[in-house]
Amino acid sequence: MLNRHILLSVCIPFMTLSVAHGGTPPDWYPIVDDFSATFVGHDGEEVIEAGGSYDAPLAVTFMAYPTDEERADTIGYDVLYEWRIEQIRNGVTTWMVKRNEMTTSFTFTEGGADVTYRVNLFITYHYRDDERITGEGEGEPITFSLRGSSVQLYNAFSPNGDGTNDLFRVKTQSLLSFRMKIFNRWGQEIVSGDQNTLSTSYEDNYTYYICWDGTYHGSKVEDGVYFILVEAEGSDGIKYVRRGDINVLTRSRKEEKE
C-alpha cells in the first residue's frame, strides 16, 4: 500500500503552575509554550483543526520546544519533559506509555466509537545550582480518536479507457491489513495483492484499494463475471472475509445495439 500522510500541526496552550524560589535560583523560570503534534495518516492534506478522528494506523510525533528567545532563557536550567499517552475505552482510562524525550513518536492502531486517546505534556524545571524544583508546567491535553473500520465491495466496472470507472476499487476505512484475490469463472487466479503492494486513493475519509485494471498477462479480459475474495482486519478488531461478483463491462450501449 502506498503511504499517504495527514499533516496536522497543533499548537498547545501552556499553563504555568506553582513556582518555588530561594537560594541561588533567579526569581523567574523559563516557559516553553511552543508545542505541536504531527499526525501521519492517509490523505496527505494539511488539517488545521486540533484533534478529531483519523484512519488507523496513525503515527503521531509530539514535539515540545521553546522558541529561540525562550531557549536562551533556559540557560542554567535542566528542563525535564514527560509525555503521558492514555487510552480511554468506555470511560475507563489506561495509561499506555510515558516518554521523556523533547520529541517523541507513537503509532496508534486501535479505533472505534468507544476508544479515545489523550496525550498530556508535563514540564519540570530544575535550576542547576540548586536541586529544588523552581517551576513546573502542564500543557492542555491533545485528544483524538480513530475511526471504526469498514469494507465495501462493488459489483461492476468498465475498463474501456473512457476515464470513467476504468479501475476496480474496494472502498475501506481504518484497516490494519488488507489482501485480495480475483478469479475467473473457472477458478483461475487473475490478480492478487495486499496493503503493501496495491495502489490506493483517499477520498472523503475513505481509502480505496485499486485492485484490478481488467487485464490478465497484459491483455484485456473478456466481458463477463469474475469473482473477488477480500480478507482484512480493522482497527476495531473486526476481521473481514468478503466474497463478491465483478461484472466486467467494456462494451458501450451503442456497441451492444449494433
Protein backbone atom coordinates (compact mmCIF):
# COMPACT_ATOMS: atom_id res chain seq x y z
CA MET A 1 0.00 0.00 0.00
CA LEU A 2 1.31 3.38 -0.86
CA ASN A 3 1.69 5.58 2.19
CA ARG A 4 -0.34 8.74 2.37
CA HIS A 5 0.05 11.38 5.05
CA ILE A 6 -2.11 13.61 7.20
CA LEU A 7 -0.10 16.56 8.46
CA LEU A 8 -1.79 18.21 11.43
CA SER A 9 0.08 20.89 13.34
CA VAL A 10 -1.45 21.60 16.73
CA CYS A 11 -0.30 24.46 18.96
CA ILE A 12 -0.90 23.52 22.59
CA PRO A 13 -1.50 26.38 25.04
CA PHE A 14 0.84 26.23 28.00
CA MET A 15 -0.27 26.80 31.60
CA THR A 16 2.20 27.84 34.28
CA LEU A 17 1.80 26.24 37.71
CA SER A 18 3.41 26.97 41.08
CA VAL A 19 6.95 28.30 41.44
CA ALA A 20 9.31 27.84 44.35
CA HIS A 21 12.16 30.31 44.77
CA GLY A 22 15.02 30.72 47.10
CA GLY A 23 18.75 30.39 47.36
CA THR A 24 20.69 30.68 44.14
CA PRO A 25 17.84 30.30 41.57
CA PRO A 26 16.72 33.56 39.99
CA ASP A 27 13.24 34.92 40.63
CA TRP A 28 11.93 33.58 37.31
CA TYR A 29 11.96 30.35 35.31
CA PRO A 30 11.59 29.70 31.58
CA ILE A 31 8.27 28.97 29.93
CA VAL A 32 8.19 26.56 26.99
CA ASP A 33 4.96 27.35 25.21
CA ASP A 34 5.54 26.16 21.64
CA PHE A 35 4.19 22.62 21.17
CA SER A 36 2.98 20.70 18.16
CA ALA A 37 1.85 17.26 17.03
CA THR A 38 2.31 15.88 13.51
CA PHE A 39 -0.29 13.28 12.56
CA VAL A 40 0.86 10.90 9.80
CA GLY A 41 -2.09 9.06 8.34
CA HIS A 42 -3.75 8.70 4.94
CA ASP A 43 -4.90 11.69 2.95
CA GLY A 44 -1.79 13.84 2.52
CA GLU A 45 -3.67 17.08 3.19
CA GLU A 46 -2.84 19.64 5.84
CA VAL A 47 -5.52 19.97 8.52
CA ILE A 48 -5.64 22.91 10.91
CA GLU A 49 -8.20 21.63 13.43
CA ALA A 50 -6.88 20.21 16.70
CA GLY A 51 -7.91 16.66 17.49
CA GLY A 52 -10.62 14.89 15.51
CA SER A 53 -10.96 11.38 14.06
CA TYR A 54 -8.48 9.67 11.76
CA ASP A 55 -7.93 6.37 9.99
CA ALA A 56 -5.75 3.70 11.55
CA PRO A 57 -2.89 3.13 11.75
CA LEU A 58 -1.98 6.66 12.81
CA ALA A 59 1.62 7.66 13.61
CA VAL A 60 1.96 10.85 15.66
CA THR A 61 5.10 12.81 16.52
CA PHE A 62 4.72 15.04 19.56
CA MET A 63 7.11 17.98 19.86
CA ALA A 64 7.85 20.28 22.79
CA TYR A 65 10.38 23.00 22.14
CA PRO A 66 10.94 26.61 23.15
CA THR A 67 11.34 29.43 20.66
CA ASP A 68 14.86 30.75 20.11
CA GLU A 69 14.36 33.53 22.65
CA GLU A 70 12.91 31.15 25.22
CA ARG A 71 15.63 28.59 24.53
CA ALA A 72 18.20 31.20 25.59
CA ASP A 73 16.21 31.71 28.79
CA THR A 74 16.73 28.04 29.75
CA ILE A 75 20.44 28.66 30.43
CA GLY A 76 21.16 27.42 33.93
CA TYR A 77 18.09 25.15 33.98
CA ASP A 78 17.51 21.47 33.38
CA VAL A 79 14.21 21.10 31.52
CA LEU A 80 12.50 17.73 32.08
CA TYR A 81 9.78 16.62 29.66
CA GLU A 82 7.14 13.97 30.31
CA TRP A 83 4.59 12.85 27.70
CA ARG A 84 1.75 10.72 29.07
CA ILE A 85 -0.25 8.82 26.44
CA GLU A 86 -3.59 7.45 27.61
CA GLN A 87 -6.38 5.41 26.03
CA ILE A 88 -9.95 5.92 27.19
CA ARG A 89 -12.21 2.95 26.39
CA ASN A 90 -15.83 3.01 27.53
CA GLY A 91 -14.95 5.63 30.12
CA VAL A 92 -12.02 3.66 31.58
CA THR A 93 -8.60 5.33 31.28
CA THR A 94 -5.50 3.22 30.66
CA TRP A 95 -2.02 4.70 30.83
CA MET A 96 -0.37 3.34 27.68
CA VAL A 97 3.13 4.82 27.76
CA LYS A 98 5.26 7.57 29.29
CA ARG A 99 8.06 9.23 27.32
CA ASN A 100 10.70 11.69 28.50
CA GLU A 101 12.10 12.96 25.18
CA MET A 102 11.59 16.50 23.98
CA THR A 103 10.25 14.96 20.75
CA THR A 104 8.59 11.53 20.80
CA SER A 105 6.63 9.37 18.34
CA PHE A 106 3.90 6.79 18.81
CA THR A 107 1.70 4.74 16.43
CA PHE A 108 -1.97 4.32 17.35
CA THR A 109 -3.81 1.28 15.96
CA GLU A 110 -6.99 0.70 17.99
CA GLY A 111 -10.11 2.55 16.85
CA GLY A 112 -13.87 2.54 17.09
CA ALA A 113 -16.64 4.54 18.70
CA ASP A 114 -15.70 3.51 22.25
CA VAL A 115 -12.00 4.50 22.08
CA THR A 116 -10.43 7.95 22.57
CA TYR A 117 -6.80 8.94 23.09
CA ARG A 118 -5.50 11.68 25.35
CA VAL A 119 -1.92 12.95 25.42
CA ASN A 120 -0.64 15.20 28.21
CA LEU A 121 2.67 17.05 28.44
CA PHE A 122 4.26 17.91 31.79
CA ILE A 123 7.41 20.01 32.11
CA THR A 124 9.54 20.45 35.22
CA TYR A 125 12.42 22.93 35.63
CA HIS A 126 15.41 22.39 37.91
CA TYR A 127 17.98 25.11 38.47
CA ARG A 128 21.41 23.50 38.08
CA ASP A 129 22.94 25.27 41.11
CA ASP A 130 20.05 24.25 43.31
CA GLU A 131 18.40 20.83 43.43
CA ARG A 132 15.00 22.26 44.29
CA ILE A 133 12.25 22.42 41.67
CA THR A 134 11.85 26.02 40.60
CA GLY A 135 8.97 25.63 38.23
CA GLU A 136 6.51 23.15 36.78
CA GLY A 137 4.18 23.41 33.82
CA GLU A 138 1.34 21.42 32.30
CA GLY A 139 0.07 21.78 28.75
CA GLU A 140 -3.53 21.35 27.63
CA PRO A 141 -4.07 17.70 26.57
CA ILE A 142 -4.46 16.63 22.94
CA THR A 143 -7.48 14.36 22.38
CA PHE A 144 -8.38 12.43 19.22
CA SER A 145 -9.80 9.10 18.06
CA LEU A 146 -9.50 6.55 15.28
CA ARG A 147 -12.47 5.71 13.08
CA GLY A 148 -14.12 2.31 13.08
CA SER A 149 -13.43 0.00 10.14
CA SER A 150 -15.45 -0.88 7.06
CA VAL A 151 -15.10 -2.78 3.76
CA GLN A 152 -17.40 -2.23 0.77
CA LEU A 153 -17.28 -4.23 -2.48
CA TYR A 154 -18.66 -3.02 -5.81
CA ASN A 155 -20.01 -5.46 -8.40
CA ALA A 156 -19.01 -3.93 -11.72
CA PHE A 157 -16.55 -1.75 -13.61
CA SER A 158 -15.84 -0.86 -17.24
CA PRO A 159 -12.13 -0.93 -18.16
CA ASN A 160 -12.64 0.54 -21.63
CA GLY A 161 -10.34 3.54 -21.32
CA ASP A 162 -13.05 6.20 -21.32
CA GLY A 163 -11.86 7.64 -17.99
CA THR A 164 -14.98 6.55 -16.10
CA ASN A 165 -14.91 3.55 -13.75
CA ASP A 166 -11.86 2.10 -15.53
CA LEU A 167 -10.41 0.54 -12.37
CA PHE A 168 -11.93 -1.89 -9.92
CA ARG A 169 -11.60 -0.48 -6.40
CA VAL A 170 -12.57 -1.64 -2.92
CA LYS A 171 -13.81 1.04 -0.51
CA THR A 172 -12.42 0.73 3.02
CA GLN A 173 -11.89 2.65 6.22
CA SER A 174 -9.40 2.30 9.08
CA LEU A 175 -7.91 -1.10 8.19
CA LEU A 176 -4.72 -2.52 9.65
CA SER A 177 -4.40 -5.19 6.95
CA PHE A 178 -5.93 -5.88 3.53
CA ARG A 179 -5.43 -8.61 0.93
CA MET A 180 -7.47 -9.70 -2.07
CA LYS A 181 -7.57 -12.21 -4.93
CA ILE A 182 -9.63 -12.08 -8.15
CA PHE A 183 -10.59 -15.24 -10.09
CA ASN A 184 -12.26 -16.02 -13.40
CA ARG A 185 -15.30 -18.30 -13.71
CA TRP A 186 -13.09 -21.41 -13.82
CA GLY A 187 -11.39 -20.54 -10.52
CA GLN A 188 -8.16 -19.39 -12.13
CA GLU A 189 -6.45 -16.56 -10.21
CA ILE A 190 -6.28 -13.37 -12.29
CA VAL A 191 -4.64 -10.96 -9.86
CA SER A 192 -3.82 -10.65 -6.16
CA GLY A 193 -2.36 -8.06 -3.80
CA ASP A 194 -2.27 -6.68 -0.27
CA GLN A 195 -1.81 -3.43 1.64
CA ASN A 196 1.90 -3.41 0.76
CA THR A 197 1.57 -3.94 -2.99
CA LEU A 198 -1.69 -2.27 -4.06
CA SER A 199 -2.04 1.38 -5.02
CA THR A 200 -4.58 3.41 -3.11
CA SER A 201 -6.52 6.65 -3.27
CA TYR A 202 -8.11 8.61 -0.44
CA GLU A 203 -11.49 10.32 -0.83
CA ASP A 204 -13.91 11.70 1.77
CA ASN A 205 -12.23 9.85 4.67
CA TYR A 206 -12.24 6.52 2.81
CA THR A 207 -9.29 4.55 1.44
CA TYR A 208 -9.85 2.91 -1.96
CA TYR A 209 -7.65 -0.04 -2.82
CA ILE A 210 -7.07 -0.17 -6.58
CA CYS A 211 -7.36 -3.90 -7.18
CA TRP A 212 -7.64 -4.53 -10.92
CA ASP A 213 -7.36 -2.79 -14.27
CA GLY A 214 -9.23 -5.52 -16.17
CA THR A 215 -6.16 -7.18 -17.70
CA TYR A 216 -4.52 -10.59 -17.43
CA HIS A 217 -0.91 -11.01 -18.52
CA GLY A 218 -1.07 -7.59 -20.16
CA SER A 219 -4.20 -8.22 -22.25
CA LYS A 220 -7.77 -7.10 -21.63
CA VAL A 221 -10.03 -9.84 -20.31
CA GLU A 222 -13.35 -10.70 -21.93
CA ASP A 223 -16.57 -9.21 -20.63
CA GLY A 224 -18.27 -11.39 -18.07
CA VAL A 225 -18.46 -12.27 -14.40
CA TYR A 226 -15.34 -12.60 -12.23
CA PHE A 227 -15.03 -13.20 -8.50
CA ILE A 228 -13.18 -11.44 -5.66
CA LEU A 229 -12.10 -12.62 -2.21
CA VAL A 230 -11.12 -9.98 0.37
CA GLU A 231 -9.62 -10.63 3.80
CA ALA A 232 -8.94 -7.69 6.12
CA GLU A 233 -8.60 -6.64 9.75
CA GLY A 234 -9.96 -3.38 11.14
CA SER A 235 -8.66 -1.05 13.83
CA ASP A 236 -11.65 -2.05 15.97
CA GLY A 237 -10.69 -5.73 15.89
CA ILE A 238 -13.23 -6.75 13.24
CA LYS A 239 -11.95 -9.41 10.82
CA TYR A 240 -13.45 -9.40 7.35
CA VAL A 241 -13.87 -12.21 4.83
CA ARG A 242 -15.83 -10.86 1.87
CA ARG A 243 -16.65 -12.54 -1.44
CA GLY A 244 -18.35 -10.90 -4.38
CA ASP A 245 -19.01 -10.88 -8.12
CA ILE A 246 -17.31 -8.48 -10.50
CA ASN A 247 -19.06 -7.75 -13.78
CA VAL A 248 -16.57 -6.58 -16.44
CA LEU A 249 -18.43 -4.35 -18.92
CA THR A 250 -16.23 -2.87 -21.64
CA ARG A 251 -18.79 -2.53 -24.46
CA SER A 252 -20.90 0.62 -24.64
CA ARG A 253 -24.69 0.52 -25.07
CA LYS A 254 -24.24 1.79 -28.64
CA GLU A 255 -21.96 -1.13 -29.46
CA GLU A 256 -24.42 -3.58 -27.90
CA LYS A 257 -27.26 -2.29 -30.10
CA GLU A 258 -25.13 -2.60 -33.22
